Protein backbone atom coordinates (compact mmCIF):
# COMPACT_ATOMS: atom_id res chain seq x y z
CA MET A 1 -24.77 17.21 0.77
CA ASN A 2 -21.10 18.22 1.20
CA GLU A 3 -19.94 15.76 -1.47
CA LEU A 4 -22.16 17.56 -3.97
CA TRP A 5 -20.08 20.75 -3.76
CA ILE A 6 -16.83 19.08 -4.85
CA PRO A 7 -17.78 18.48 -8.52
CA ILE A 8 -19.61 21.80 -8.66
CA ALA A 9 -16.47 23.61 -7.48
CA GLY A 10 -14.36 21.52 -9.87
CA ILE A 11 -16.43 22.83 -12.77
CA LEU A 12 -16.98 26.41 -11.61
CA ALA A 13 -13.38 27.18 -10.59
CA PRO A 14 -11.81 26.63 -14.05
CA ALA A 15 -14.74 28.44 -15.67
CA ALA A 16 -14.19 31.40 -13.34
CA VAL A 17 -10.45 31.51 -14.12
CA ILE A 18 -11.07 31.37 -17.88
CA GLY A 19 -13.78 34.02 -17.59
CA LEU A 20 -11.41 36.28 -15.64
CA LEU A 21 -8.67 35.88 -18.25
CA VAL A 22 -11.09 36.71 -21.08
CA TRP A 23 -12.36 39.77 -19.21
CA LEU A 24 -8.82 41.02 -18.49
CA ARG A 25 -7.84 40.63 -22.14
CA TYR A 26 -10.98 42.59 -23.12
CA ARG A 27 -10.10 45.38 -20.67
CA ILE A 28 -6.54 45.65 -22.03
CA ARG A 29 -7.80 46.00 -25.60
CA HIS A 30 -10.51 48.43 -24.56
CA ASP A 31 -8.01 50.64 -22.70
CA MET A 32 -5.64 50.57 -25.67
CA GLN A 33 -8.43 51.66 -28.01
CA GLN A 34 -9.42 54.44 -25.61
CA THR A 35 -5.82 55.69 -25.63
CA ILE A 36 -5.74 55.74 -29.43
CA ARG A 37 -9.10 57.55 -29.58
CA LEU A 38 -7.92 60.14 -27.06
CA ALA A 39 -4.73 60.76 -29.06
CA LEU A 40 -6.74 61.13 -32.29
CA ASP A 41 -9.22 63.50 -30.63
CA LYS A 42 -6.34 65.72 -29.52
CA GLY A 43 -5.12 65.86 -33.12
CA GLN A 44 -2.01 63.73 -32.84
CA GLU A 45 -0.87 61.84 -35.90
CA LEU A 46 -0.52 58.09 -35.36
CA SER A 47 1.61 56.06 -37.72
CA PRO A 48 0.54 52.51 -38.64
CA GLU A 49 3.72 51.17 -37.01
CA LEU A 50 2.85 52.84 -33.70
CA VAL A 51 -0.69 51.47 -33.75
CA ASP A 52 0.67 48.01 -34.54
CA ARG A 53 3.13 48.19 -31.64
CA LEU A 54 0.37 49.33 -29.29
CA GLY A 55 -1.84 46.44 -30.39
CA HIS A 56 0.88 43.79 -30.20
CA PRO A 57 3.38 44.61 -27.46
CA LYS A 58 6.81 43.06 -27.82
CA PRO A 59 7.41 40.27 -25.29
CA THR A 60 10.25 40.79 -22.85
CA LYS A 61 13.59 39.07 -23.37
CA ASP A 62 13.31 36.90 -20.26
CA LYS A 63 9.72 35.72 -20.72
CA ASP A 64 10.80 32.13 -21.45
CA LEU A 65 13.04 32.12 -18.38
CA ARG A 66 10.19 33.27 -16.15
CA LEU A 67 7.78 30.74 -17.62
CA GLY A 68 10.35 27.96 -17.24
CA VAL A 69 10.92 28.77 -13.58
CA ILE A 70 7.17 28.91 -12.92
CA TRP A 71 6.58 25.51 -14.56
CA LEU A 72 9.49 23.99 -12.61
CA ALA A 73 8.00 25.39 -9.38
CA VAL A 74 4.63 23.83 -10.25
CA ALA A 75 6.34 20.48 -10.86
CA ALA A 76 8.20 20.71 -7.56
CA ALA A 77 4.99 21.62 -5.71
CA LEU A 78 3.15 18.62 -7.19
CA ALA A 79 6.02 16.28 -6.33
CA ILE A 80 6.22 17.57 -2.75
CA PHE A 81 2.45 17.34 -2.39
CA GLY A 82 2.65 13.72 -3.53
CA GLN A 83 5.29 13.01 -0.87
CA VAL A 84 3.11 14.47 1.87
CA ILE A 85 0.20 12.13 1.08
CA PRO A 86 0.65 8.90 3.03
CA ASP A 87 -0.84 6.67 0.31
CA PRO A 88 2.00 5.16 -1.81
CA GLU A 89 -0.26 4.87 -4.87
CA ALA A 90 -1.14 8.57 -4.74
CA ASN A 91 2.55 9.30 -4.25
CA SER A 92 3.47 7.70 -7.57
CA ILE A 93 0.51 9.34 -9.32
CA PHE A 94 1.70 12.80 -8.27
CA TRP A 95 5.26 11.98 -9.39
CA GLY A 96 3.84 11.12 -12.81
CA ILE A 97 1.69 14.24 -12.95
CA SER A 98 4.63 16.43 -11.93
CA ALA A 99 6.64 15.16 -14.91
CA PHE A 100 4.46 17.15 -17.33
CA PRO A 101 5.16 20.63 -15.88
CA LEU A 102 8.77 19.57 -15.29
CA PHE A 103 9.39 18.92 -18.98
CA ILE A 104 7.41 22.00 -20.03
CA GLY A 105 9.62 24.08 -17.72
CA LEU A 106 12.77 22.45 -19.07
CA ALA A 107 11.62 23.16 -22.63
CA TYR A 108 11.10 26.84 -21.80
CA LEU A 109 14.56 27.01 -20.25
CA ILE A 110 16.10 25.42 -23.34
CA ILE A 111 14.25 27.90 -25.57
CA TRP A 112 15.45 30.77 -23.38
CA ARG A 113 19.04 29.49 -23.49
CA PHE A 114 19.21 29.31 -27.28
CA ALA A 115 17.09 32.37 -28.11
CA GLU A 116 18.73 35.38 -29.67
CA ARG A 117 18.80 38.37 -27.35
CA ASP A 118 19.89 41.85 -28.38
């Protein structure tokens, strides 16, 4: 009976995370629209540029740096987790898996390094 819960949790957990992300994105857009409606109801004039900036916020300058550090931390966590497992085959599997977030993190750091910042 306990083995049955493992695949169920493996399917429901990613679905719950994706559902949460979709719901949060919906709430952000809904709150932005409520703000625009409130400003229009109070008689304020909204330029198309302002509405466009509200709908598409400008990413911060260090977003690539943060993402790169996060991906490198994920790679390090997977590599360390692989070292903790006593099975040598699982050890090499986790080293291989950790290579993917490692190179994604390095790519973000390279993008951050060569990006133009004002």
